[in-house]
């Protein structure tokens, strides 16, 4: 069963998440959900075989081929996750705000199953924000104890490339036009709720690897910013005082007559 791992990790008498129900096969939709849990990240999901193949992307997808985004593969999710936007209440698994950042359809550039098995999935996206050719490439982690879930999400060069792509400029839901702040503050937003809270879990219930990966990415970004600032300071031209021209009248008035 494709959702066995999803089911194994959850107690559905406590978690408010949707049950592991297989959808109709043959559809090829994709969704990117912006999720502010313990740390902000993006959930990239491709519909395949009646489930959503899922990757957590700490820095989010990019339309710049120079950006090789880390994408940690997680368990398959049910298709009922596809259009969820709202709030997962405090005390529940993955508590936080969820936005439907992008939706659309996808097409594999070859046999999807064979490419997945080889760890080199090439596909095209036709979404509202993401378009064109992409690749998900399975990589070998150098980290001891790695579970082998590390992939890279990379944009191929085509007509949809945007150099210097800044994902933060695209901060509204494609479903409702709301920002994360508006979704979080809307009492009418959808909620996953349950009569029981998840025992021993809180907003930190997201996998440790995700928080660790995002923390490392944030630290790297901060170091780069400090290095850039230091270079600018070192190469800046020293400020010199401009010579002030003294009016001729002042010179004549203040000068003393020479002795004969």
C-alpha atoms as a PDB file:
ATOM      1  CA  UNK A   1       0.000   0.000   0.000  1.00  0.00           C
ATOM      2  CA  UNK A   2       1.439   3.363  -1.079  1.00  0.00           C
ATOM      3  CA  UNK A   3       0.314   5.132   2.110  1.00  0.00           C
ATOM      4  CA  UNK A   4       1.501   2.485   4.571  1.00  0.00           C
ATOM      5  CA  UNK A   5       4.347   4.649   5.863  1.00  0.00           C
ATOM      6  CA  UNK A   6       1.990   7.608   6.190  1.00  0.00           C
ATOM      7  CA  UNK A   7      -0.401   5.435   8.203  1.00  0.00           C
ATOM      8  CA  UNK A   8       2.364   3.911  10.341  1.00  0.00           C
ATOM      9  CA  UNK A   9       3.606   7.304  11.516  1.00  0.00           C
ATOM     10  CA  UNK A  10       0.208   8.528  12.662  1.00  0.00           C
ATOM     11  CA  UNK A  11      -2.426   7.645  15.223  1.00  0.00           C
ATOM     12  CA  UNK A  12      -5.652   8.742  13.579  1.00  0.00           C
ATOM     13  CA  UNK A  13      -7.481   8.728  16.895  1.00  0.00           C
ATOM     14  CA  UNK A  14      -5.337  11.700  17.829  1.00  0.00           C
ATOM     15  CA  UNK A  15      -3.993  13.402  14.732  1.00  0.00           C
ATOM     16  CA  UNK A  16      -6.327  15.728  12.808  1.00  0.00           C
ATOM     17  CA  UNK A  17      -4.707  14.878   9.470  1.00  0.00           C
ATOM     18  CA  UNK A  18      -6.757  13.171   6.745  1.00  0.00           C
ATOM     19  CA  UNK A  19      -6.824   9.358   6.641  1.00  0.00           C
ATOM     20  CA  UNK A  20      -4.696   7.354   4.170  1.00  0.00           C
ATOM     21  CA  UNK A  21      -7.111   7.044   1.270  1.00  0.00           C
ATOM     22  CA  UNK A  22      -5.819   6.230  -2.224  1.00  0.00           C
ATOM     23  CA  UNK A  23      -7.159   8.477  -4.979  1.00  0.00           C
ATOM     24  CA  UNK A  24      -8.005   7.679  -8.570  1.00  0.00           C
ATOM     25  CA  UNK A  25      -4.847   6.856 -10.558  1.00  0.00           C
ATOM     26  CA  UNK A  26      -4.022   8.558 -13.835  1.00  0.00           C
ATOM     27  CA  UNK A  27      -4.191  12.174 -12.703  1.00  0.00           C
ATOM     28  CA  UNK A  28      -1.069  14.330 -12.831  1.00  0.00           C
ATOM     29  CA  UNK A  29      -1.571  17.363 -10.650  1.00  0.00           C
ATOM     30  CA  UNK A  30       1.041  19.080  -8.532  1.00  0.00           C
ATOM     31  CA  UNK A  31       0.835  21.382  -5.538  1.00  0.00           C
ATOM     32  CA  UNK A  32       3.356  23.432  -3.588  1.00  0.00           C
ATOM     33  CA  UNK A  33       2.266  24.293  -0.064  1.00  0.00           C
ATOM     34  CA  UNK A  34       4.025  26.948   1.953  1.00  0.00           C
ATOM     35  CA  UNK A  35       4.096  25.668   5.525  1.00  0.00           C
ATOM     36  CA  UNK A  36       5.121  27.657   8.565  1.00  0.00           C
ATOM     37  CA  UNK A  37       5.616  24.906  11.140  1.00  0.00           C
ATOM     38  CA  UNK A  38       8.679  24.824  13.438  1.00  0.00           C
ATOM     39  CA  UNK A  39      10.430  26.555  10.550  1.00  0.00           C
ATOM     40  CA  UNK A  40       9.148  27.861   7.254  1.00  0.00           C
ATOM     41  CA  UNK A  41       9.484  25.428   4.330  1.00  0.00           C
ATOM     42  CA  UNK A  42       7.687  24.399   1.144  1.00  0.00           C
ATOM     43  CA  UNK A  43       6.060  21.011   0.534  1.00  0.00           C
ATOM     44  CA  UNK A  44       6.441  19.987  -3.121  1.00  0.00           C
ATOM     45  CA  UNK A  45       3.965  17.266  -4.146  1.00  0.00           C
ATOM     46  CA  UNK A  46       3.444  15.374  -7.413  1.00  0.00           C
ATOM     47  CA  UNK A  47       0.320  13.288  -7.894  1.00  0.00           C
ATOM     48  CA  UNK A  48       1.236   9.777  -9.004  1.00  0.00           C
ATOM     49  CA  UNK A  49      -0.527   6.416  -8.662  1.00  0.00           C
ATOM     50  CA  UNK A  50      -3.336   7.926  -6.602  1.00  0.00           C
ATOM     51  CA  UNK A  51      -1.097   9.565  -3.972  1.00  0.00           C
ATOM     52  CA  UNK A  52       1.013  12.681  -3.606  1.00  0.00           C
ATOM     53  CA  UNK A  53       4.742  11.948  -3.853  1.00  0.00           C
ATOM     54  CA  UNK A  54       6.168  14.503  -1.448  1.00  0.00           C
ATOM     55  CA  UNK A  55       9.385  16.394  -0.803  1.00  0.00           C
ATOM     56  CA  UNK A  56      10.061  19.070   1.812  1.00  0.00           C
ATOM     57  CA  UNK A  57      12.059  21.924   0.258  1.00  0.00           C
ATOM     58  CA  UNK A  58      13.517  24.210   2.963  1.00  0.00           C
ATOM     59  CA  UNK A  59      14.235  27.163   0.654  1.00  0.00           C
ATOM     60  CA  UNK A  60      11.413  26.493  -1.801  1.00  0.00           C
ATOM     61  CA  UNK A  61      11.505  25.895  -5.574  1.00  0.00           C
ATOM     62  CA  UNK A  62      13.255  28.309  -7.939  1.00  0.00           C
ATOM     63  CA  UNK A  63      13.092  29.290 -11.593  1.00  0.00           C
ATOM     64  CA  UNK A  64      16.838  29.975 -11.617  1.00  0.00           C
ATOM     65  CA  UNK A  65      18.919  26.972 -12.857  1.00  0.00           C
ATOM     66  CA  UNK A  66      21.783  28.155 -10.634  1.00  0.00           C
ATOM     67  CA  UNK A  67      19.712  27.297  -7.562  1.00  0.00           C
ATOM     68  CA  UNK A  68      20.013  23.650  -6.615  1.00  0.00           C
ATOM     69  CA  UNK A  69      17.385  23.275  -3.929  1.00  0.00           C
ATOM     70  CA  UNK A  70      17.680  20.561  -1.307  1.00  0.00           C
ATOM     71  CA  UNK A  71      14.492  18.467  -1.340  1.00  0.00           C
ATOM     72  CA  UNK A  72      14.033  15.868   1.384  1.00  0.00           C
ATOM     73  CA  UNK A  73      11.675  13.092   0.312  1.00  0.00           C
ATOM     74  CA  UNK A  74       9.015  12.300   2.891  1.00  0.00           C
ATOM     75  CA  UNK A  75       6.262   9.695   2.971  1.00  0.00           C
ATOM     76  CA  UNK A  76       3.539   9.716   0.308  1.00  0.00           C
ATOM     77  CA  UNK A  77       0.508  11.776   1.266  1.00  0.00           C
ATOM     78  CA  UNK A  78      -3.161  11.280   0.364  1.00  0.00           C
ATOM     79  CA  UNK A  79      -4.583  13.432  -2.427  1.00  0.00           C
ATOM     80  CA  UNK A  80      -6.872  15.083   0.138  1.00  0.00           C
ATOM     81  CA  UNK A  81      -3.855  17.201   1.080  1.00  0.00           C
ATOM     82  CA  UNK A  82      -3.974  18.827  -2.359  1.00  0.00           C
ATOM     83  CA  UNK A  83      -6.076  21.936  -1.695  1.00  0.00           C
ATOM     84  CA  UNK A  84      -5.767  22.323   2.067  1.00  0.00           C
ATOM     85  CA  UNK A  85      -5.149  25.903   3.148  1.00  0.00           C
ATOM     86  CA  UNK A  86      -5.562  27.058   6.712  1.00  0.00           C
ATOM     87  CA  UNK A  87      -4.255  26.341  10.168  1.00  0.00           C
ATOM     88  CA  UNK A  88      -3.171  23.168  11.901  1.00  0.00           C
ATOM     89  CA  UNK A  89      -3.911  24.000  15.556  1.00  0.00           C
ATOM     90  CA  UNK A  90      -1.302  24.111  18.303  1.00  0.00           C
ATOM     91  CA  UNK A  91      -0.509  20.745  19.821  1.00  0.00           C
ATOM     92  CA  UNK A  92      -1.129  18.827  16.595  1.00  0.00           C
ATOM     93  CA  UNK A  93       1.408  17.269  14.249  1.00  0.00           C
ATOM     94  CA  UNK A  94       2.895  19.982  12.012  1.00  0.00           C
ATOM     95  CA  UNK A  95       1.057  22.780  13.799  1.00  0.00           C
ATOM     96  CA  UNK A  96       1.172  26.050  11.888  1.00  0.00           C
ATOM     97  CA  UNK A  97      -0.097  27.922   8.850  1.00  0.00           C
ATOM     98  CA  UNK A  98      -0.442  26.285   5.433  1.00  0.00           C
ATOM     99  CA  UNK A  99      -0.836  28.145   2.141  1.00  0.00           C
ATOM    100  CA  UNK A 100      -1.499  26.701  -1.310  1.00  0.00           C
ATOM    101  CA  UNK A 101       1.405  28.512  -2.944  1.00  0.00           C
ATOM    102  CA  UNK A 102       1.054  26.982  -6.412  1.00  0.00           C
ATOM    103  CA  UNK A 103      -1.036  24.391  -8.239  1.00  0.00           C
ATOM    104  CA  UNK A 104      -1.126  22.980 -11.745  1.00  0.00           C
ATOM    105  CA  UNK A 105      -0.383  19.881 -13.762  1.00  0.00           C
ATOM    106  CA  UNK A 106       2.839  18.024 -14.484  1.00  0.00           C
ATOM    107  CA  UNK A 107       4.091  15.735 -17.243  1.00  0.00           C
ATOM    108  CA  UNK A 108       7.053  13.343 -16.985  1.00  0.00           C
ATOM    109  CA  UNK A 109       9.706  13.569 -19.680  1.00  0.00           C
ATOM    110  CA  UNK A 110       9.856   9.803 -20.082  1.00  0.00           C
ATOM    111  CA  UNK A 111       8.670   6.944 -17.873  1.00  0.00           C
ATOM    112  CA  UNK A 112       7.971   8.405 -14.431  1.00  0.00           C
ATOM    113  CA  UNK A 113       8.395   5.082 -12.640  1.00  0.00           C
ATOM    114  CA  UNK A 114      11.699   4.263 -14.341  1.00  0.00           C
ATOM    115  CA  UNK A 115      13.085   7.739 -13.684  1.00  0.00           C
ATOM    116  CA  UNK A 116      12.041   7.591 -10.037  1.00  0.00           C
ATOM    117  CA  UNK A 117      13.768   4.229  -9.673  1.00  0.00           C
ATOM    118  CA  UNK A 118      16.954   5.659 -11.200  1.00  0.00           C
ATOM    119  CA  UNK A 119      16.774   8.763  -9.031  1.00  0.00           C
ATOM    120  CA  UNK A 120      16.580  11.163 -11.978  1.00  0.00           C
ATOM    121  CA  UNK A 121      13.005  12.368 -12.461  1.00  0.00           C
ATOM    122  CA  UNK A 122      12.622  14.869 -15.282  1.00  0.00           C
ATOM    123  CA  UNK A 123       9.278  16.594 -15.728  1.00  0.00           C
ATOM    124  CA  UNK A 124       7.467  19.709 -16.907  1.00  0.00           C
ATOM    125  CA  UNK A 125       5.263  21.879 -14.724  1.00  0.00           C
ATOM    126  CA  UNK A 126       2.339  23.985 -15.882  1.00  0.00           C
ATOM    127  CA  UNK A 127       1.373  25.933 -12.791  1.00  0.00           C
ATOM    128  CA  UNK A 128       0.425  29.484 -11.986  1.00  0.00           C
ATOM    129  CA  UNK A 129       3.898  30.303 -10.674  1.00  0.00           C
ATOM    130  CA  UNK A 130       6.118  27.398 -11.710  1.00  0.00           C
ATOM    131  CA  UNK A 131       6.418  26.535 -15.392  1.00  0.00           C
ATOM    132  CA  UNK A 132       8.805  24.664 -17.633  1.00  0.00           C
ATOM    133  CA  UNK A 133      11.204  21.792 -17.249  1.00  0.00           C
ATOM    134  CA  UNK A 134      12.605  20.597 -13.910  1.00  0.00           C
ATOM    135  CA  UNK A 135      14.486  17.662 -12.461  1.00  0.00           C
ATOM    136  CA  UNK A 136      14.509  15.903  -9.119  1.00  0.00           C
ATOM    137  CA  UNK A 137      17.876  14.204  -8.683  1.00  0.00           C
ATOM    138  CA  UNK A 138      18.592  11.717  -5.904  1.00  0.00           C
ATOM    139  CA  UNK A 139      21.930  12.399  -4.242  1.00  0.00           C
ATOM    140  CA  UNK A 140      24.128  10.517  -1.794  1.00  0.00           C
ATOM    141  CA  UNK A 141      24.425  12.285   1.509  1.00  0.00           C
ATOM    142  CA  UNK A 142      27.813  12.543   3.226  1.00  0.00           C
ATOM    143  CA  UNK A 143      26.078  12.801   6.575  1.00  0.00           C
ATOM    144  CA  UNK A 144      26.507   9.684   8.740  1.00  0.00           C
ATOM    145  CA  UNK A 145      23.249   7.875   9.373  1.00  0.00           C
ATOM    146  CA  UNK A 146      21.504   9.421   6.394  1.00  0.00           C
ATOM    147  CA  UNK A 147      18.288   7.691   5.337  1.00  0.00           C
ATOM    148  CA  UNK A 148      18.981   8.375   1.675  1.00  0.00           C
ATOM    149  CA  UNK A 149      16.092  10.803   1.287  1.00  0.00           C
ATOM    150  CA  UNK A 150      18.125  13.705  -0.091  1.00  0.00           C
ATOM    151  CA  UNK A 151      17.236  14.993  -3.562  1.00  0.00           C
ATOM    152  CA  UNK A 152      17.946  18.184  -5.476  1.00  0.00           C
ATOM    153  CA  UNK A 153      15.188  20.157  -7.206  1.00  0.00           C
ATOM    154  CA  UNK A 154      16.688  21.943 -10.213  1.00  0.00           C
ATOM    155  CA  UNK A 155      15.201  24.136 -12.943  1.00  0.00           C
ATOM    156  CA  UNK A 156      16.267  23.306 -16.506  1.00  0.00           C
ATOM    157  CA  UNK A 157      17.160  26.071 -18.931  1.00  0.00           C
ATOM    158  CA  UNK A 158      14.171  27.033 -21.083  1.00  0.00           C
ATOM    159  CA  UNK A 159      11.920  30.002 -21.857  1.00  0.00           C
ATOM    160  CA  UNK A 160      10.701  30.179 -18.241  1.00  0.00           C
ATOM    161  CA  UNK A 161      14.060  30.782 -16.569  1.00  0.00           C
ATOM    162  CA  UNK A 162      14.270  33.744 -14.193  1.00  0.00           C
ATOM    163  CA  UNK A 163      17.801  34.573 -13.118  1.00  0.00           C
ATOM    164  CA  UNK A 164      18.057  35.726  -9.526  1.00  0.00           C
ATOM    165  CA  UNK A 165      14.628  34.311  -8.719  1.00  0.00           C
ATOM    166  CA  UNK A 166      13.310  35.590  -5.375  1.00  0.00           C
ATOM    167  CA  UNK A 167      10.559  33.358  -3.986  1.00  0.00           C
ATOM    168  CA  UNK A 168       9.714  35.885  -1.264  1.00  0.00           C
ATOM    169  CA  UNK A 169       8.228  38.217  -3.893  1.00  0.00           C
ATOM    170  CA  UNK A 170       5.487  35.671  -4.535  1.00  0.00           C
ATOM    171  CA  UNK A 171       3.852  35.559  -1.135  1.00  0.00           C
ATOM    172  CA  UNK A 172       0.146  35.080  -1.885  1.00  0.00           C
ATOM    173  CA  UNK A 173      -2.074  32.028  -2.159  1.00  0.00           C
ATOM    174  CA  UNK A 174      -3.117  30.981  -5.661  1.00  0.00           C
ATOM    175  CA  UNK A 175      -6.471  29.881  -4.207  1.00  0.00           C
ATOM    176  CA  UNK A 176      -7.503  32.864  -2.099  1.00  0.00           C
ATOM    177  CA  UNK A 177      -4.966  35.625  -2.725  1.00  0.00           C
ATOM    178  CA  UNK A 178      -4.157  35.746   0.983  1.00  0.00           C
ATOM    179  CA  UNK A 179      -0.759  36.071   2.629  1.00  0.00           C
ATOM    180  CA  UNK A 180       0.465  33.730   5.367  1.00  0.00           C
ATOM    181  CA  UNK A 181      -0.340  36.394   7.967  1.00  0.00           C
ATOM    182  CA  UNK A 182      -3.880  36.786   6.667  1.00  0.00           C
ATOM    183  CA  UNK A 183      -4.443  33.018   6.651  1.00  0.00           C
ATOM    184  CA  UNK A 184      -3.100  32.695  10.195  1.00  0.00           C
ATOM    185  CA  UNK A 185      -5.278  35.545  11.449  1.00  0.00           C
ATOM    186  CA  UNK A 186      -8.495  34.451   9.722  1.00  0.00           C
ATOM    187  CA  UNK A 187     -10.814  32.750  12.182  1.00  0.00           C
ATOM    188  CA  UNK A 188     -12.768  31.388   9.236  1.00  0.00           C
ATOM    189  CA  UNK A 189      -9.789  29.553   7.761  1.00  0.00           C
ATOM    190  CA  UNK A 190     -10.040  25.797   7.468  1.00  0.00           C
ATOM    191  CA  UNK A 191      -8.656  23.854  10.393  1.00  0.00           C
ATOM    192  CA  UNK A 192      -7.655  20.270  10.910  1.00  0.00           C
ATOM    193  CA  UNK A 193      -9.090  19.612  14.338  1.00  0.00           C
ATOM    194  CA  UNK A 194      -9.710  16.620  16.533  1.00  0.00           C
ATOM    195  CA  UNK A 195     -11.252  15.878  19.920  1.00  0.00           C
ATOM    196  CA  UNK A 196      -7.843  14.780  21.204  1.00  0.00           C
ATOM    197  CA  UNK A 197      -4.505  16.469  20.913  1.00  0.00           C
ATOM    198  CA  UNK A 198      -1.343  14.645  19.927  1.00  0.00           C
ATOM    199  CA  UNK A 199       0.278  13.404  23.112  1.00  0.00           C
ATOM    200  CA  UNK A 200       3.800  14.625  23.634  1.00  0.00           C
ATOM    201  CA  UNK A 201       3.836  16.602  20.396  1.00  0.00           C
ATOM    202  CA  UNK A 202       3.763  20.270  19.666  1.00  0.00           C
ATOM    203  CA  UNK A 203       4.915  22.696  17.051  1.00  0.00           C
ATOM    204  CA  UNK A 204       8.327  20.986  17.115  1.00  0.00           C
ATOM    205  CA  UNK A 205       6.918  17.706  15.832  1.00  0.00           C
ATOM    206  CA  UNK A 206       8.293  18.202  12.349  1.00  0.00           C
ATOM    207  CA  UNK A 207      11.177  15.893  11.547  1.00  0.00           C
ATOM    208  CA  UNK A 208      14.490  16.967  13.065  1.00  0.00           C
ATOM    209  CA  UNK A 209      16.259  16.808   9.706  1.00  0.00           C
ATOM    210  CA  UNK A 210      13.987  19.539   8.308  1.00  0.00           C
ATOM    211  CA  UNK A 211      14.647  21.970  11.138  1.00  0.00           C
ATOM    212  CA  UNK A 212      18.368  21.171  10.949  1.00  0.00           C
ATOM    213  CA  UNK A 213      18.493  21.676   7.163  1.00  0.00           C
ATOM    214  CA  UNK A 214      16.696  25.017   7.331  1.00  0.00           C
ATOM    215  CA  UNK A 215      18.880  26.192  10.207  1.00  0.00           C
ATOM    216  CA  UNK A 216      22.016  25.375   8.196  1.00  0.00           C
ATOM    217  CA  UNK A 217      20.610  27.180   5.136  1.00  0.00           C
ATOM    218  CA  UNK A 218      19.818  30.264   7.252  1.00  0.00           C
ATOM    219  CA  UNK A 219      23.305  30.231   8.786  1.00  0.00           C
ATOM    220  CA  UNK A 220      24.924  29.935   5.358  1.00  0.00           C
ATOM    221  CA  UNK A 221      22.860  32.854   4.079  1.00  0.00           C
ATOM    222  CA  UNK A 222      23.849  34.974   7.087  1.00  0.00           C
ATOM    223  CA  UNK A 223      27.549  34.176   6.612  1.00  0.00           C
ATOM    224  CA  UNK A 224      27.331  35.137   2.943  1.00  0.00           C
ATOM    225  CA  UNK A 225      25.673  38.435   3.851  1.00  0.00           C
ATOM    226  CA  UNK A 226      28.377  39.244   6.425  1.00  0.00           C
ATOM    227  CA  UNK A 227      31.133  38.365   3.944  1.00  0.00           C
ATOM    228  CA  UNK A 228      29.557  40.567   1.282  1.00  0.00           C
ATOM    229  CA  UNK A 229      29.282  43.474   3.727  1.00  0.00           C
ATOM    230  CA  UNK A 230      32.937  43.048   4.755  1.00  0.00           C
ATOM    231  CA  UNK A 231      34.091  43.091   1.125  1.00  0.00           C
ATOM    232  CA  UNK A 232      32.111  46.261   0.424  1.00  0.00           C
ATOM    233  CA  UNK A 233      33.621  47.941   3.484  1.00  0.00           C
ATOM    234  CA  UNK A 234      37.170  46.944   2.528  1.00  0.00           C
ATOM    235  CA  UNK A 235      36.865  48.164  -1.048  1.00  0.00           C
ATOM    236  CA  UNK A 236      35.079  51.407  -0.219  1.00  0.00           C
ATOM    237  CA  UNK A 237      37.042  54.577  -1.141  1.00  0.00           C
ATOM    238  CA  UNK A 238      38.288  56.589   1.869  1.00  0.00           C
ATOM    239  CA  UNK A 239      36.454  59.838   2.422  1.00  0.00           C
ATOM    240  CA  UNK A 240      38.805  62.805   1.926  1.00  0.00           C
ATOM    241  CA  UNK A 241      38.166  66.331   2.981  1.00  0.00           C
ATOM    242  CA  UNK A 242      37.780  68.719   0.120  1.00  0.00           C
ATOM    243  CA  UNK A 243      40.018  71.769   0.182  1.00  0.00           C
ATOM    244  CA  UNK A 244      38.076  74.921   0.891  1.00  0.00           C
ATOM    245  CA  UNK A 245      38.840  77.876  -1.300  1.00  0.00           C
ATOM    246  CA  UNK A 246      39.396  81.029   0.764  1.00  0.00           C
ATOM    247  CA  UNK A 247      37.957  84.189  -0.805  1.00  0.00           C
ATOM    248  CA  UNK A 248      40.520  86.702  -2.024  1.00  0.00           C
ATOM    249  CA  UNK A 249      38.924  89.463   0.061  1.00  0.00           C
ATOM    250  CA  UNK A 250      39.445  87.498   3.271  1.00  0.00           C
ATOM    251  CA  UNK A 251      43.115  86.990   2.463  1.00  0.00           C
ATOM    252  CA  UNK A 252      43.643  90.670   1.761  1.00  0.00           C
ATOM    253  CA  UNK A 253      41.818  91.741   4.895  1.00  0.00           C
ATOM    254  CA  UNK A 254      43.591  89.418   7.276  1.00  0.00           C
ATOM    255  CA  UNK A 255      47.109  89.734   5.813  1.00  0.00           C
ATOM    256  CA  UNK A 256      49.563  92.028   7.595  1.00  0.00           C
ATOM    257  CA  UNK A 257      51.627  94.624   5.648  1.00  0.00           C
ATOM    258  CA  UNK A 258      55.216  93.735   5.101  1.00  0.00           C
ATOM    259  CA  UNK A 259      57.887  95.769   6.910  1.00  0.00           C
ATOM    260  CA  UNK A 260      60.167  97.888   4.727  1.00  0.00           C
END
